[in-house]
């Protein structure tokens, strides 16, 4: 057996891995869940000129919506723009039938913000990245 690290894998090789885990998962879950397509979406805050001043990038599957990124420009912070973005993302997730949201944030980022939005910490990784803590948060919709 040859073990290979590849920073530019082919689509075919990635497809083989995806199909392999789907086949395994079929032994434990319904096909409806196994083959559920990802729902990818974004929520944007734009200024009057249409420039992005903040936003959320998210993906959802298996009842969970995962906030991958949340960013606000310096000019928009403290103006409830983040809360409005979160509300829009959560409403979209609910409309699509998702029942939970989760995210990660670093100790110098937005843990208090997420907690004010109703998220609770369910795990943490100390010293990741070095000198900081990663918090894993979840919210029932």
C-alpha atoms as a PDB file:
ATOM      1  CA  UNK A   1       0.000   0.000   0.000  1.00  0.00           C
ATOM      2  CA  UNK A   2       1.402   3.402  -1.012  1.00  0.00           C
ATOM      3  CA  UNK A   3       0.400   6.425   1.071  1.00  0.00           C
ATOM      4  CA  UNK A   4       0.391   9.676  -0.891  1.00  0.00           C
ATOM      5  CA  UNK A   5      -0.179  13.278   0.194  1.00  0.00           C
ATOM      6  CA  UNK A   6      -1.500  15.379  -2.671  1.00  0.00           C
ATOM      7  CA  UNK A   7      -2.196  19.111  -2.452  1.00  0.00           C
ATOM      8  CA  UNK A   8      -3.901  19.102  -5.856  1.00  0.00           C
ATOM      9  CA  UNK A   9      -6.059  15.951  -5.971  1.00  0.00           C
ATOM     10  CA  UNK A  10      -8.018  15.067  -9.091  1.00  0.00           C
ATOM     11  CA  UNK A  11     -11.791  15.392  -9.144  1.00  0.00           C
ATOM     12  CA  UNK A  12     -11.998  11.672  -9.871  1.00  0.00           C
ATOM     13  CA  UNK A  13      -9.970  10.737  -6.779  1.00  0.00           C
ATOM     14  CA  UNK A  14     -12.074  13.045  -4.588  1.00  0.00           C
ATOM     15  CA  UNK A  15     -15.236  11.524  -6.086  1.00  0.00           C
ATOM     16  CA  UNK A  16     -13.973   8.046  -5.168  1.00  0.00           C
ATOM     17  CA  UNK A  17     -13.592   9.103  -1.528  1.00  0.00           C
ATOM     18  CA  UNK A  18     -17.052  10.725  -1.482  1.00  0.00           C
ATOM     19  CA  UNK A  19     -18.706   7.692  -3.040  1.00  0.00           C
ATOM     20  CA  UNK A  20     -16.851   5.397  -0.648  1.00  0.00           C
ATOM     21  CA  UNK A  21     -18.139   7.170   2.471  1.00  0.00           C
ATOM     22  CA  UNK A  22     -21.627   7.363   0.971  1.00  0.00           C
ATOM     23  CA  UNK A  23     -21.572   3.603   0.439  1.00  0.00           C
ATOM     24  CA  UNK A  24     -20.485   3.047   4.031  1.00  0.00           C
ATOM     25  CA  UNK A  25     -23.085   5.514   5.361  1.00  0.00           C
ATOM     26  CA  UNK A  26     -25.855   3.695   3.473  1.00  0.00           C
ATOM     27  CA  UNK A  27     -25.405   0.830   5.908  1.00  0.00           C
ATOM     28  CA  UNK A  28     -26.442   3.134   8.763  1.00  0.00           C
ATOM     29  CA  UNK A  29     -28.689   5.865   7.317  1.00  0.00           C
ATOM     30  CA  UNK A  30     -31.449   6.240   4.746  1.00  0.00           C
ATOM     31  CA  UNK A  31     -30.531   7.107   1.160  1.00  0.00           C
ATOM     32  CA  UNK A  32     -32.439  10.366   1.580  1.00  0.00           C
ATOM     33  CA  UNK A  33     -29.909  11.457   4.200  1.00  0.00           C
ATOM     34  CA  UNK A  34     -26.846   9.850   2.602  1.00  0.00           C
ATOM     35  CA  UNK A  35     -27.372  11.538  -0.761  1.00  0.00           C
ATOM     36  CA  UNK A  36     -28.742  14.854   0.485  1.00  0.00           C
ATOM     37  CA  UNK A  37     -27.060  17.613  -1.526  1.00  0.00           C
ATOM     38  CA  UNK A  38     -25.235  20.376   0.312  1.00  0.00           C
ATOM     39  CA  UNK A  39     -27.059  23.693   0.478  1.00  0.00           C
ATOM     40  CA  UNK A  40     -24.452  26.425   0.083  1.00  0.00           C
ATOM     41  CA  UNK A  41     -25.418  30.029   0.609  1.00  0.00           C
ATOM     42  CA  UNK A  42     -24.180  33.442   1.613  1.00  0.00           C
ATOM     43  CA  UNK A  43     -25.748  36.473   3.277  1.00  0.00           C
ATOM     44  CA  UNK A  44     -24.331  39.910   2.457  1.00  0.00           C
ATOM     45  CA  UNK A  45     -24.455  43.358   4.041  1.00  0.00           C
ATOM     46  CA  UNK A  46     -23.897  45.984   1.348  1.00  0.00           C
ATOM     47  CA  UNK A  47     -23.494  49.731   1.580  1.00  0.00           C
ATOM     48  CA  UNK A  48     -25.509  52.158  -0.563  1.00  0.00           C
ATOM     49  CA  UNK A  49     -22.993  51.745  -3.406  1.00  0.00           C
ATOM     50  CA  UNK A  50     -23.385  47.946  -3.350  1.00  0.00           C
ATOM     51  CA  UNK A  51     -20.007  47.216  -1.755  1.00  0.00           C
ATOM     52  CA  UNK A  52     -19.888  44.230   0.582  1.00  0.00           C
ATOM     53  CA  UNK A  53     -19.395  45.444   4.152  1.00  0.00           C
ATOM     54  CA  UNK A  54     -19.954  42.099   5.813  1.00  0.00           C
ATOM     55  CA  UNK A  55     -21.328  38.657   5.274  1.00  0.00           C
ATOM     56  CA  UNK A  56     -21.774  35.031   6.131  1.00  0.00           C
ATOM     57  CA  UNK A  57     -20.675  32.005   4.131  1.00  0.00           C
ATOM     58  CA  UNK A  58     -22.528  28.829   5.064  1.00  0.00           C
ATOM     59  CA  UNK A  59     -23.217  25.251   4.048  1.00  0.00           C
ATOM     60  CA  UNK A  60     -26.011  23.016   5.273  1.00  0.00           C
ATOM     61  CA  UNK A  61     -26.726  19.279   5.243  1.00  0.00           C
ATOM     62  CA  UNK A  62     -28.091  16.577   7.576  1.00  0.00           C
ATOM     63  CA  UNK A  63     -30.274  18.983   9.593  1.00  0.00           C
ATOM     64  CA  UNK A  64     -27.311  21.273  10.323  1.00  0.00           C
ATOM     65  CA  UNK A  65     -26.406  24.616   8.894  1.00  0.00           C
ATOM     66  CA  UNK A  66     -22.732  25.393   9.390  1.00  0.00           C
ATOM     67  CA  UNK A  67     -21.555  28.982   9.416  1.00  0.00           C
ATOM     68  CA  UNK A  68     -18.134  28.745   7.837  1.00  0.00           C
ATOM     69  CA  UNK A  69     -17.273  32.434   7.940  1.00  0.00           C
ATOM     70  CA  UNK A  70     -18.744  35.612   9.394  1.00  0.00           C
ATOM     71  CA  UNK A  71     -17.033  38.924   8.692  1.00  0.00           C
ATOM     72  CA  UNK A  72     -17.937  42.549   9.340  1.00  0.00           C
ATOM     73  CA  UNK A  73     -16.016  45.594   8.176  1.00  0.00           C
ATOM     74  CA  UNK A  74     -14.766  47.902  10.895  1.00  0.00           C
ATOM     75  CA  UNK A  75     -17.333  50.513   9.827  1.00  0.00           C
ATOM     76  CA  UNK A  76     -20.284  48.154  10.433  1.00  0.00           C
ATOM     77  CA  UNK A  77     -19.292  46.739  13.814  1.00  0.00           C
ATOM     78  CA  UNK A  78     -21.479  47.744  16.742  1.00  0.00           C
ATOM     79  CA  UNK A  79     -24.417  48.640  14.474  1.00  0.00           C
ATOM     80  CA  UNK A  80     -26.318  45.309  14.774  1.00  0.00           C
ATOM     81  CA  UNK A  81     -25.327  44.357  11.222  1.00  0.00           C
ATOM     82  CA  UNK A  82     -23.982  41.047  12.499  1.00  0.00           C
ATOM     83  CA  UNK A  83     -27.242  40.298  14.287  1.00  0.00           C
ATOM     84  CA  UNK A  84     -29.196  41.071  11.130  1.00  0.00           C
ATOM     85  CA  UNK A  85     -26.925  38.804   9.070  1.00  0.00           C
ATOM     86  CA  UNK A  86     -27.343  35.995  11.597  1.00  0.00           C
ATOM     87  CA  UNK A  87     -31.099  36.420  11.644  1.00  0.00           C
ATOM     88  CA  UNK A  88     -31.246  36.234   7.843  1.00  0.00           C
ATOM     89  CA  UNK A  89     -29.038  33.111   7.774  1.00  0.00           C
ATOM     90  CA  UNK A  90     -31.084  31.409  10.502  1.00  0.00           C
ATOM     91  CA  UNK A  91     -34.368  32.257   8.777  1.00  0.00           C
ATOM     92  CA  UNK A  92     -33.063  30.866   5.483  1.00  0.00           C
ATOM     93  CA  UNK A  93     -31.938  27.668   7.245  1.00  0.00           C
ATOM     94  CA  UNK A  94     -35.339  27.252   8.913  1.00  0.00           C
ATOM     95  CA  UNK A  95     -37.155  27.796   5.608  1.00  0.00           C
ATOM     96  CA  UNK A  96     -35.016  25.048   4.059  1.00  0.00           C
ATOM     97  CA  UNK A  97     -35.911  22.683   6.908  1.00  0.00           C
ATOM     98  CA  UNK A  98     -32.672  22.719   8.889  1.00  0.00           C
ATOM     99  CA  UNK A  99     -33.059  22.413  12.643  1.00  0.00           C
ATOM    100  CA  UNK A 100     -29.635  23.370  14.014  1.00  0.00           C
ATOM    101  CA  UNK A 101     -26.848  25.827  13.309  1.00  0.00           C
ATOM    102  CA  UNK A 102     -23.257  25.494  14.360  1.00  0.00           C
ATOM    103  CA  UNK A 103     -20.039  27.418  13.966  1.00  0.00           C
ATOM    104  CA  UNK A 104     -16.544  27.866  15.326  1.00  0.00           C
ATOM    105  CA  UNK A 105     -14.904  31.029  16.574  1.00  0.00           C
ATOM    106  CA  UNK A 106     -11.537  31.883  18.046  1.00  0.00           C
ATOM    107  CA  UNK A 107     -10.980  33.341  21.505  1.00  0.00           C
ATOM    108  CA  UNK A 108     -10.197  36.783  20.033  1.00  0.00           C
ATOM    109  CA  UNK A 109     -13.186  36.746  17.671  1.00  0.00           C
ATOM    110  CA  UNK A 110     -16.914  36.521  18.333  1.00  0.00           C
ATOM    111  CA  UNK A 111     -17.790  34.072  21.111  1.00  0.00           C
ATOM    112  CA  UNK A 112     -19.795  36.670  23.129  1.00  0.00           C
ATOM    113  CA  UNK A 113     -21.622  37.728  19.965  1.00  0.00           C
ATOM    114  CA  UNK A 114     -22.679  34.161  19.163  1.00  0.00           C
ATOM    115  CA  UNK A 115     -23.753  33.575  22.757  1.00  0.00           C
ATOM    116  CA  UNK A 116     -25.935  36.725  22.610  1.00  0.00           C
ATOM    117  CA  UNK A 117     -27.493  35.200  19.473  1.00  0.00           C
ATOM    118  CA  UNK A 118     -28.447  32.093  21.459  1.00  0.00           C
ATOM    119  CA  UNK A 119     -25.527  29.787  20.639  1.00  0.00           C
ATOM    120  CA  UNK A 120     -23.931  27.617  23.312  1.00  0.00           C
ATOM    121  CA  UNK A 121     -20.406  26.254  23.473  1.00  0.00           C
ATOM    122  CA  UNK A 122     -20.305  22.484  23.067  1.00  0.00           C
ATOM    123  CA  UNK A 123     -16.569  22.076  22.720  1.00  0.00           C
ATOM    124  CA  UNK A 124     -13.268  23.851  22.695  1.00  0.00           C
ATOM    125  CA  UNK A 125      -9.758  23.276  21.442  1.00  0.00           C
ATOM    126  CA  UNK A 126      -7.188  24.871  23.717  1.00  0.00           C
ATOM    127  CA  UNK A 127      -4.053  26.350  22.154  1.00  0.00           C
ATOM    128  CA  UNK A 128      -5.488  26.081  18.629  1.00  0.00           C
ATOM    129  CA  UNK A 129      -4.172  28.042  16.936  1.00  0.00           C
ATOM    130  CA  UNK A 130      -1.194  28.388  19.236  1.00  0.00           C
ATOM    131  CA  UNK A 131      -1.912  30.897  21.963  1.00  0.00           C
ATOM    132  CA  UNK A 132      -5.671  30.928  21.339  1.00  0.00           C
ATOM    133  CA  UNK A 133      -8.737  28.731  21.838  1.00  0.00           C
ATOM    134  CA  UNK A 134     -11.226  27.571  19.219  1.00  0.00           C
ATOM    135  CA  UNK A 135     -14.813  27.405  20.472  1.00  0.00           C
ATOM    136  CA  UNK A 136     -17.426  25.187  18.825  1.00  0.00           C
ATOM    137  CA  UNK A 137     -20.965  26.554  19.178  1.00  0.00           C
ATOM    138  CA  UNK A 138     -24.443  25.283  18.329  1.00  0.00           C
ATOM    139  CA  UNK A 139     -28.009  26.603  18.323  1.00  0.00           C
ATOM    140  CA  UNK A 140     -31.303  24.802  17.935  1.00  0.00           C
ATOM    141  CA  UNK A 141     -33.489  26.602  15.429  1.00  0.00           C
END
